Amino acid sequence: VIQTIKSPGFIAMTLGFITACITPLRDALFSPGGSLRFIGSSIESLGSASSSLGTLLVAASLVHQAKDDAPSSDDADTAIEESQV
């Protein structure tokens, strides 16, 4: 349970919920002219890039290839020579 509470996703969800529930904090962060608008704007910028970064991470994890499994150019040359014989 402690490990779940310390996870970054859970902390972000909790902070987001608290921010949404406290109206003056939400207005200060995200309303035009709010006193903390510069922080809210940076959070929005990071949030807009998160879906693209997530897609890149998933794509990178799908094409992971072990070094031993990668065909070398010598293997391709050997296969061509064997097919010609």
PDB file of N, CA and C in Angstrom:
ATOM      1  N   VAL A   1       0.826  -1.181   0.000  1.00  0.00           N
ATOM      2  CA  VAL A   1       0.000   0.000   0.000  1.00  0.00           C
ATOM      3  C   VAL A   1       0.877   1.254   0.000  1.00  0.00           C
ATOM      4  N   ILE A   2       1.956   1.229   0.783  1.00  0.00           N
ATOM      5  CA  ILE A   2       2.866   2.385   0.855  1.00  0.00           C
ATOM      6  C   ILE A   2       3.495   2.634  -0.511  1.00  0.00           C
ATOM      7  N   GLN A   3       3.850   1.558  -1.202  1.00  0.00           N
ATOM      8  CA  GLN A   3       4.476   1.696  -2.523  1.00  0.00           C
ATOM      9  C   GLN A   3       3.502   2.350  -3.514  1.00  0.00           C
ATOM     10  N   THR A   4       2.234   2.016  -3.426  1.00  0.00           N
ATOM     11  CA  THR A   4       1.229   2.625  -4.289  1.00  0.00           C
ATOM     12  C   THR A   4       1.070   4.108  -3.983  1.00  0.00           C
ATOM     13  N   ILE A   5       1.060   4.449  -2.715  1.00  0.00           N
ATOM     14  CA  ILE A   5       0.896   5.847  -2.322  1.00  0.00           C
ATOM     15  C   ILE A   5       2.091   6.688  -2.753  1.00  0.00           C
ATOM     16  N   LYS A   6       3.285   6.101  -2.778  1.00  0.00           N
ATOM     17  CA  LYS A   6       4.491   6.825  -3.174  1.00  0.00           C
ATOM     18  C   LYS A   6       4.705   6.867  -4.685  1.00  0.00           C
ATOM     19  N   SER A   7       3.883   6.192  -5.459  1.00  0.00           N
ATOM     20  CA  SER A   7       4.082   6.162  -6.904  1.00  0.00           C
ATOM     21  C   SER A   7       3.748   7.531  -7.515  1.00  0.00           C
ATOM     22  N   PRO A   8       4.491   7.932  -8.555  1.00  0.00           N
ATOM     23  CA  PRO A   8       4.269   9.249  -9.166  1.00  0.00           C
ATOM     24  C   PRO A   8       2.853   9.435  -9.715  1.00  0.00           C
ATOM     25  N   GLY A   9       2.270   8.398 -10.271  1.00  0.00           N
ATOM     26  CA  GLY A   9       0.919   8.505 -10.817  1.00  0.00           C
ATOM     27  C   GLY A   9      -0.116   8.792  -9.744  1.00  0.00           C
ATOM     28  N   PHE A  10       0.021   8.139  -8.607  1.00  0.00           N
ATOM     29  CA  PHE A  10      -0.924   8.351  -7.512  1.00  0.00           C
ATOM     30  C   PHE A  10      -0.772   9.749  -6.928  1.00  0.00           C
ATOM     31  N   ILE A  11       0.473  10.198  -6.785  1.00  0.00           N
ATOM     32  CA  ILE A  11       0.724  11.547  -6.262  1.00  0.00           C
ATOM     33  C   ILE A  11       0.142  12.594  -7.212  1.00  0.00           C
ATOM     34  N   ALA A  12       0.344  12.418  -8.517  1.00  0.00           N
ATOM     35  CA  ALA A  12      -0.188  13.366  -9.490  1.00  0.00           C
ATOM     36  C   ALA A  12      -1.714  13.383  -9.463  1.00  0.00           C
ATOM     37  N   MET A  13      -2.327  12.211  -9.340  1.00  0.00           N
ATOM     38  CA  MET A  13      -3.783  12.145  -9.282  1.00  0.00           C
ATOM     39  C   MET A  13      -4.310  12.847  -8.035  1.00  0.00           C
ATOM     40  N   THR A  14      -3.662  12.633  -6.916  1.00  0.00           N
ATOM     41  CA  THR A  14      -4.085  13.249  -5.661  1.00  0.00           C
ATOM     42  C   THR A  14      -3.947  14.771  -5.719  1.00  0.00           C
ATOM     43  N   LEU A  15      -2.810  15.250  -6.225  1.00  0.00           N
ATOM     44  CA  LEU A  15      -2.609  16.699  -6.336  1.00  0.00           C
ATOM     45  C   LEU A  15      -3.595  17.328  -7.317  1.00  0.00           C
ATOM     46  N   GLY A  16      -3.894  16.638  -8.404  1.00  0.00           N
ATOM     47  CA  GLY A  16      -4.878  17.135  -9.356  1.00  0.00           C
ATOM     48  C   GLY A  16      -6.268  17.212  -8.749  1.00  0.00           C
ATOM     49  N   PHE A  17      -6.621  16.206  -7.972  1.00  0.00           N
ATOM     50  CA  PHE A  17      -7.933  16.202  -7.311  1.00  0.00           C
ATOM     51  C   PHE A  17      -8.034  17.337  -6.300  1.00  0.00           C
ATOM     52  N   ILE A  18      -6.974  17.533  -5.514  1.00  0.00           N
ATOM     53  CA  ILE A  18      -6.966  18.611  -4.518  1.00  0.00           C
ATOM     54  C   ILE A  18      -7.066  19.970  -5.209  1.00  0.00           C
ATOM     55  N   THR A  19      -6.311  20.129  -6.306  1.00  0.00           N
ATOM     56  CA  THR A  19      -6.351  21.396  -7.044  1.00  0.00           C
ATOM     57  C   THR A  19      -7.746  21.654  -7.610  1.00  0.00           C
ATOM     58  N   ALA A  20      -8.397  20.615  -8.102  1.00  0.00           N
ATOM     59  CA  ALA A  20      -9.743  20.780  -8.667  1.00  0.00           C
ATOM     60  C   ALA A  20     -10.772  21.105  -7.584  1.00  0.00           C
ATOM     61  N   CYS A  21     -10.572  20.598  -6.384  1.00  0.00           N
ATOM     62  CA  CYS A  21     -11.540  20.820  -5.303  1.00  0.00           C
ATOM     63  C   CYS A  21     -11.408  22.190  -4.642  1.00  0.00           C
ATOM     64  N   ILE A  22     -10.217  22.770  -4.664  1.00  0.00           N
ATOM     65  CA  ILE A  22     -10.003  24.065  -4.012  1.00  0.00           C
ATOM     66  C   ILE A  22     -10.129  25.154  -5.079  1.00  0.00           C
ATOM     67  N   THR A  23     -11.287  25.789  -5.109  1.00  0.00           N
ATOM     68  CA  THR A  23     -11.596  26.769  -6.154  1.00  0.00           C
ATOM     69  C   THR A  23     -10.617  27.939  -6.210  1.00  0.00           C
ATOM     70  N   PRO A  24     -10.221  28.551  -5.090  1.00  0.00           N
ATOM     71  CA  PRO A  24      -9.264  29.667  -5.197  1.00  0.00           C
ATOM     72  C   PRO A  24      -7.913  29.241  -5.783  1.00  0.00           C
ATOM     73  N   LEU A  25      -7.449  28.047  -5.434  1.00  0.00           N
ATOM     74  CA  LEU A  25      -6.184  27.540  -5.997  1.00  0.00           C
ATOM     75  C   LEU A  25      -6.332  27.291  -7.487  1.00  0.00           C
ATOM     76  N   ARG A  26      -7.444  26.682  -7.887  1.00  0.00           N
ATOM     77  CA  ARG A  26      -7.688  26.422  -9.305  1.00  0.00           C
ATOM     78  C   ARG A  26      -7.747  27.725 -10.101  1.00  0.00           C
ATOM     79  N   ASP A  27      -8.437  28.722  -9.549  1.00  0.00           N
ATOM     80  CA  ASP A  27      -8.528  30.010 -10.238  1.00  0.00           C
ATOM     81  C   ASP A  27      -7.165  30.703 -10.327  1.00  0.00           C
ATOM     82  N   ALA A  28      -6.379  30.616  -9.267  1.00  0.00           N
ATOM     83  CA  ALA A  28      -5.057  31.253  -9.272  1.00  0.00           C
ATOM     84  C   ALA A  28      -4.136  30.603 -10.297  1.00  0.00           C
ATOM     85  N   LEU A  29      -4.271  29.290 -10.496  1.00  0.00           N
ATOM     86  CA  LEU A  29      -3.390  28.574 -11.433  1.00  0.00           C
ATOM     87  C   LEU A  29      -3.842  28.684 -12.884  1.00  0.00           C
ATOM     88  N   PHE A  30      -5.138  28.632 -13.132  1.00  0.00           N
ATOM     89  CA  PHE A  30      -5.593  28.453 -14.510  1.00  0.00           C
ATOM     90  C   PHE A  30      -6.470  29.569 -15.073  1.00  0.00           C
ATOM     91  N   SER A  31      -6.896  30.526 -14.276  1.00  0.00           N
ATOM     92  CA  SER A  31      -7.696  31.640 -14.796  1.00  0.00           C
ATOM     93  C   SER A  31      -6.783  32.700 -15.402  1.00  0.00           C
ATOM     94  N   PRO A  32      -7.213  33.329 -16.503  1.00  0.00           N
ATOM     95  CA  PRO A  32      -6.411  34.435 -17.045  1.00  0.00           C
ATOM     96  C   PRO A  32      -6.288  35.554 -16.012  1.00  0.00           C
ATOM     97  N   GLY A  33      -5.073  35.989 -15.764  1.00  0.00           N
ATOM     98  CA  GLY A  33      -4.835  37.024 -14.766  1.00  0.00           C
ATOM     99  C   GLY A  33      -4.674  36.492 -13.360  1.00  0.00           C
ATOM    100  N   GLY A  34      -4.677  35.169 -13.187  1.00  0.00           N
ATOM    101  CA  GLY A  34      -4.478  34.584 -11.866  1.00  0.00           C
ATOM    102  C   GLY A  34      -3.060  34.823 -11.367  1.00  0.00           C
ATOM    103  N   SER A  35      -2.921  34.872 -10.044  1.00  0.00           N
ATOM    104  CA  SER A  35      -1.615  35.195  -9.475  1.00  0.00           C
ATOM    105  C   SER A  35      -0.569  34.101  -9.715  1.00  0.00           C
ATOM    106  N   LEU A  36      -0.991  32.889  -9.901  1.00  0.00           N
ATOM    107  CA  LEU A  36      -0.070  31.772 -10.170  1.00  0.00           C
ATOM    108  C   LEU A  36      -0.215  31.257 -11.606  1.00  0.00           C
ATOM    109  N   ARG A  37      -0.675  32.114 -12.487  1.00  0.00           N
ATOM    110  CA  ARG A  37      -0.920  31.702 -13.877  1.00  0.00           C
ATOM    111  C   ARG A  37       0.341  31.197 -14.564  1.00  0.00           C
ATOM    112  N   PHE A  38       1.518  31.735 -14.233  1.00  0.00           N
ATOM    113  CA  PHE A  38       2.749  31.277 -14.870  1.00  0.00           C
ATOM    114  C   PHE A  38       3.028  29.803 -14.558  1.00  0.00           C
ATOM    115  N   ILE A  39       2.665  29.354 -13.362  1.00  0.00           N
ATOM    116  CA  ILE A  39       2.831  27.929 -13.017  1.00  0.00           C
ATOM    117  C   ILE A  39       1.778  27.100 -13.750  1.00  0.00           C
ATOM    118  N   GLY A  40       0.553  27.577 -13.774  1.00  0.00           N
ATOM    119  CA  GLY A  40      -0.515  26.863 -14.477  1.00  0.00           C
ATOM    120  C   GLY A  40      -0.228  26.734 -15.960  1.00  0.00           C
ATOM    121  N   SER A  41       0.345  27.785 -16.548  1.00  0.00           N
ATOM    122  CA  SER A  41       0.683  27.751 -17.967  1.00  0.00           C
ATOM    123  C   SER A  41       1.772  26.718 -18.251  1.00  0.00           C
ATOM    124  N   SER A  42       2.759  26.633 -17.363  1.00  0.00           N
ATOM    125  CA  SER A  42       3.810  25.634 -17.568  1.00  0.00           C
ATOM    126  C   SER A  42       3.266  24.218 -17.389  1.00  0.00           C
ATOM    127  N   ILE A  43       2.343  24.028 -16.472  1.00  0.00           N
ATOM    128  CA  ILE A  43       1.707  22.714 -16.296  1.00  0.00           C
ATOM    129  C   ILE A  43       0.915  22.340 -17.547  1.00  0.00           C
ATOM    130  N   GLU A  44       0.204  23.295 -18.124  1.00  0.00           N
ATOM    131  CA  GLU A  44      -0.545  23.033 -19.356  1.00  0.00           C
ATOM    132  C   GLU A  44       0.390  22.680 -20.510  1.00  0.00           C
ATOM    133  N   SER A  45       1.523  23.352 -20.603  1.00  0.00           N
ATOM    134  CA  SER A  45       2.491  23.054 -21.673  1.00  0.00           C
ATOM    135  C   SER A  45       3.058  21.650 -21.528  1.00  0.00           C
ATOM    136  N   LEU A  46       3.409  21.270 -20.322  1.00  0.00           N
ATOM    137  CA  LEU A  46       3.918  19.917 -20.087  1.00  0.00           C
ATOM    138  C   LEU A  46       2.843  18.870 -20.347  1.00  0.00           C
ATOM    139  N   GLY A  47       1.621  19.185 -19.980  1.00  0.00           N
ATOM    140  CA  GLY A  47       0.517  18.252 -20.187  1.00  0.00           C
ATOM    141  C   GLY A  47       0.196  18.034 -21.654  1.00  0.00           C
ATOM    142  N   SER A  48       0.334  19.068 -22.468  1.00  0.00           N
ATOM    143  CA  SER A  48       0.029  18.911 -23.892  1.00  0.00           C
ATOM    144  C   SER A  48       1.070  18.047 -24.598  1.00  0.00           C
ATOM    145  N   ALA A  49       2.282  18.003 -24.084  1.00  0.00           N
ATOM    146  CA  ALA A  49       3.328  17.173 -24.696  1.00  0.00           C
ATOM    147  C   ALA A  49       3.298  15.734 -24.191  1.00  0.00           C
ATOM    148  N   SER A  50       2.565  15.458 -23.135  1.00  0.00           N
ATOM    149  CA  SER A  50       2.627  14.125 -22.521  1.00  0.00           C
ATOM    150  C   SER A  50       2.058  13.028 -23.418  1.00  0.00           C
ATOM    151  N   SER A  51       1.032  13.304 -24.194  1.00  0.00           N
ATOM    152  CA  SER A  51       0.474  12.253 -25.048  1.00  0.00           C
ATOM    153  C   SER A  51       1.451  11.888 -26.167  1.00  0.00           C
ATOM    154  N   SER A  52       2.130  12.875 -26.725  1.00  0.00           N
ATOM    155  CA  SER A  52       3.119  12.584 -27.771  1.00  0.00           C
ATOM    156  C   SER A  52       4.296  11.804 -27.206  1.00  0.00           C
ATOM    157  N   LEU A  53       4.770  12.197 -26.038  1.00  0.00           N
ATOM    158  CA  LEU A  53       5.880  11.480 -25.416  1.00  0.00           C
ATOM    159  C   LEU A  53       5.481  10.059 -25.036  1.00  0.00           C
ATOM    160  N   GLY A  54       4.271   9.900 -24.569  1.00  0.00           N
ATOM    161  CA  GLY A  54       3.792   8.554 -24.235  1.00  0.00           C
ATOM    162  C   GLY A  54       3.740   7.650 -25.454  1.00  0.00           C
ATOM    163  N   THR A  55       3.296   8.189 -26.575  1.00  0.00           N
ATOM    164  CA  THR A  55       3.260   7.421 -27.820  1.00  0.00           C
ATOM    165  C   THR A  55       4.663   7.021 -28.256  1.00  0.00           C
ATOM    166  N   LEU A  56       5.602   7.945 -28.146  1.00  0.00           N
ATOM    167  CA  LEU A  56       6.984   7.624 -28.502  1.00  0.00           C
ATOM    168  C   LEU A  56       7.568   6.541 -27.601  1.00  0.00           C
ATOM    169  N   LEU A  57       7.275   6.598 -26.310  1.00  0.00           N
ATOM    170  CA  LEU A  57       7.788   5.589 -25.392  1.00  0.00           C
ATOM    171  C   LEU A  57       7.206   4.208 -25.686  1.00  0.00           C
ATOM    172  N   VAL A  58       5.925   4.153 -25.972  1.00  0.00           N
ATOM    173  CA  VAL A  58       5.298   2.865 -26.301  1.00  0.00           C
ATOM    174  C   VAL A  58       5.878   2.310 -27.601  1.00  0.00           C
ATOM    175  N   ALA A  59       6.034   3.166 -28.597  1.00  0.00           N
ATOM    176  CA  ALA A  59       6.601   2.716 -29.869  1.00  0.00           C
ATOM    177  C   ALA A  59       8.032   2.230 -29.688  1.00  0.00           C
ATOM    178  N   ALA A  60       8.813   2.926 -28.884  1.00  0.00           N
ATOM    179  CA  ALA A  60      10.193   2.513 -28.649  1.00  0.00           C
ATOM    180  C   ALA A  60      10.256   1.177 -27.914  1.00  0.00           C
ATOM    181  N   SER A  61       9.333   0.941 -27.015  1.00  0.00           N
ATOM    182  CA  SER A  61       9.354  -0.324 -26.288  1.00  0.00           C
ATOM    183  C   SER A  61       8.905  -1.491 -27.167  1.00  0.00           C
ATOM    184  N   LEU A  62       8.122  -1.226 -28.194  1.00  0.00           N
ATOM    185  CA  LEU A  62       7.660  -2.302 -29.068  1.00  0.00           C
ATOM    186  C   LEU A  62       8.722  -2.764 -30.056  1.00  0.00           C
ATOM    187  N   VAL A  63       9.663  -1.917 -30.399  1.00  0.00           N
ATOM    188  CA  VAL A  63      10.673  -2.283 -31.385  1.00  0.00           C
ATOM    189  C   VAL A  63      11.999  -2.673 -30.751  1.00  0.00           C
ATOM    190  N   HIS A  64      11.995  -2.927 -29.451  1.00  0.00           N
ATOM    191  CA  HIS A  64      13.221  -3.331 -28.767  1.00  0.00           C
ATOM    192  C   HIS A  64      13.715  -4.654 -29.350  1.00  0.00           C
ATOM    193  N   GLN A  65      14.966  -4.674 -29.742  1.00  0.00           N
ATOM    194  CA  GLN A  65      15.542  -5.870 -30.339  1.00  0.00           C
ATOM    195  C   GLN A  65      16.834  -6.188 -29.611  1.00  0.00           C
ATOM    196  N   ALA A  66      16.959  -7.435 -29.148  1.00  0.00           N
ATOM    197  CA  ALA A  66      18.171  -7.838 -28.440  1.00  0.00           C
ATOM    198  C   ALA A  66      19.342  -7.865 -29.407  1.00  0.00           C
ATOM    199  N   LYS A  67      20.525  -7.599 -28.883  1.00  0.00           N
ATOM    200  CA  LYS A  67      21.703  -7.534 -29.725  1.00  0.00           C
ATOM    201  C   LYS A  67      22.011  -8.888 -30.369  1.00  0.00           C
ATOM    202  N   ASP A  68      21.749  -9.989 -29.663  1.00  0.00           N
ATOM    203  CA  ASP A  68      22.020 -11.324 -30.201  1.00  0.00           C
ATOM    204  C   ASP A  68      21.043 -11.712 -31.306  1.00  0.00           C
ATOM    205  N   ASP A  69      19.833 -11.157 -31.269  1.00  0.00           N
ATOM    206  CA  ASP A  69      18.822 -11.510 -32.260  1.00  0.00           C
ATOM    207  C   ASP A  69      18.945 -10.704 -33.548  1.00  0.00           C
ATOM    208  N   ALA A  70      19.699  -9.625 -33.518  1.00  0.00           N
ATOM    209  CA  ALA A  70      19.806  -8.758 -34.685  1.00  0.00           C
ATOM    210  C   ALA A  70      20.618  -9.443 -35.776  1.00  0.00           C
ATOM    211  N   PRO A  71      20.068  -9.535 -36.978  1.00  0.00           N
ATOM    212  CA  PRO A  71      20.827 -10.143 -38.060  1.00  0.00           C
ATOM    213  C   PRO A  71      21.981  -9.233 -38.486  1.00  0.00           C
ATOM    214  N   SER A  72      23.123  -9.820 -38.683  1.00  0.00           N
ATOM    215  CA  SER A  72      24.265  -9.032 -39.132  1.00  0.00           C
ATOM    216  C   SER A  72      24.370  -9.124 -40.649  1.00  0.00           C
ATOM    217  N   SER A  73      25.195  -8.293 -41.233  1.00  0.00           N
ATOM    218  CA  SER A  73      25.350  -8.309 -42.689  1.00  0.00           C
ATOM    219  C   SER A  73      26.041  -9.604 -43.135  1.00  0.00           C
ATOM    220  N   ASP A  74      26.873 -10.199 -42.265  1.00  0.00           N
ATOM    221  CA  ASP A  74      27.521 -11.463 -42.606  1.00  0.00           C
ATOM    222  C   ASP A  74      26.490 -12.580 -42.745  1.00  0.00           C
ATOM    223  N   ASP A  75      25.467 -12.591 -41.890  1.00  0.00           N
ATOM    224  CA  ASP A  75      24.417 -13.606 -41.973  1.00  0.00           C
ATOM    225  C   ASP A  75      23.653 -13.489 -43.286  1.00  0.00           C
ATOM    226  N   ALA A  76      23.392 -12.272 -43.731  1.00  0.00           N
ATOM    227  CA  ALA A  76      22.667 -12.068 -44.976  1.00  0.00           C
ATOM    228  C   ALA A  76      23.502 -12.546 -46.157  1.00  0.00           C
ATOM    229  N   ASP A  77      24.807 -12.256 -46.144  1.00  0.00           N
ATOM    230  CA  ASP A  77      25.688 -12.715 -47.216  1.00  0.00           C
ATOM    231  C   ASP A  77      25.762 -14.237 -47.258  1.00  0.00           C
ATOM    232  N   THR A  78      25.815 -14.876 -46.094  1.00  0.00           N
ATOM    233  CA  THR A  78      25.865 -16.337 -46.030  1.00  0.00           C
ATOM    234  C   THR A  78      24.583 -16.944 -46.574  1.00  0.00           C
ATOM    235  N   ALA A  79      23.438 -16.344 -46.245  1.00  0.00           N
ATOM    236  CA  ALA A  79      22.168 -16.862 -46.727  1.00  0.00           C
ATOM    237  C   ALA A  79      22.069 -16.733 -48.242  1.00  0.00           C
ATOM    238  N   ILE A  80      22.573 -15.661 -48.806  1.00  0.00           N
ATOM    239  CA  ILE A  80      22.544 -15.490 -50.270  1.00  0.00           C
ATOM    240  C   ILE A  80      23.451 -16.510 -50.931  1.00  0.00           C
ATOM    241  N   GLU A  81      24.631 -16.726 -50.371  1.00  0.00           N
ATOM    242  CA  GLU A  81      25.566 -17.693 -50.949  1.00  0.00           C
ATOM    243  C   GLU A  81      25.002 -19.109 -50.902  1.00  0.00           C
ATOM    244  N   GLU A  82      24.337 -19.462 -49.798  1.00  0.00           N
ATOM    245  CA  GLU A  82      23.762 -20.792 -49.665  1.00  0.00           C
ATOM    246  C   GLU A  82      22.614 -21.000 -50.634  1.00  0.00           C
ATOM    247  N   SER A  83      21.840 -19.944 -50.899  1.00  0.00           N
ATOM    248  CA  SER A  83      20.719 -20.102 -51.822  1.00  0.00           C
ATOM    249  C   SER A  83      21.200 -20.231 -53.270  1.00  0.00           C
ATOM    250  N   GLN A  84      22.380 -19.732 -53.577  1.00  0.00           N
ATOM    251  CA  GLN A  84      22.898 -19.809 -54.932  1.00  0.00           C
ATOM    252  C   GLN A  84      23.547 -21.166 -55.202  1.00  0.00           C
ATOM    253  N   VAL A  85      23.903 -21.901 -54.177  1.00  0.00           N
ATOM    254  CA  VAL A  85      24.579 -23.191 -54.379  1.00  0.00           C
ATOM    255  C   VAL A  85      23.628 -24.293 -54.648  1.00  0.00           C
TER     256      VAL A  85
END
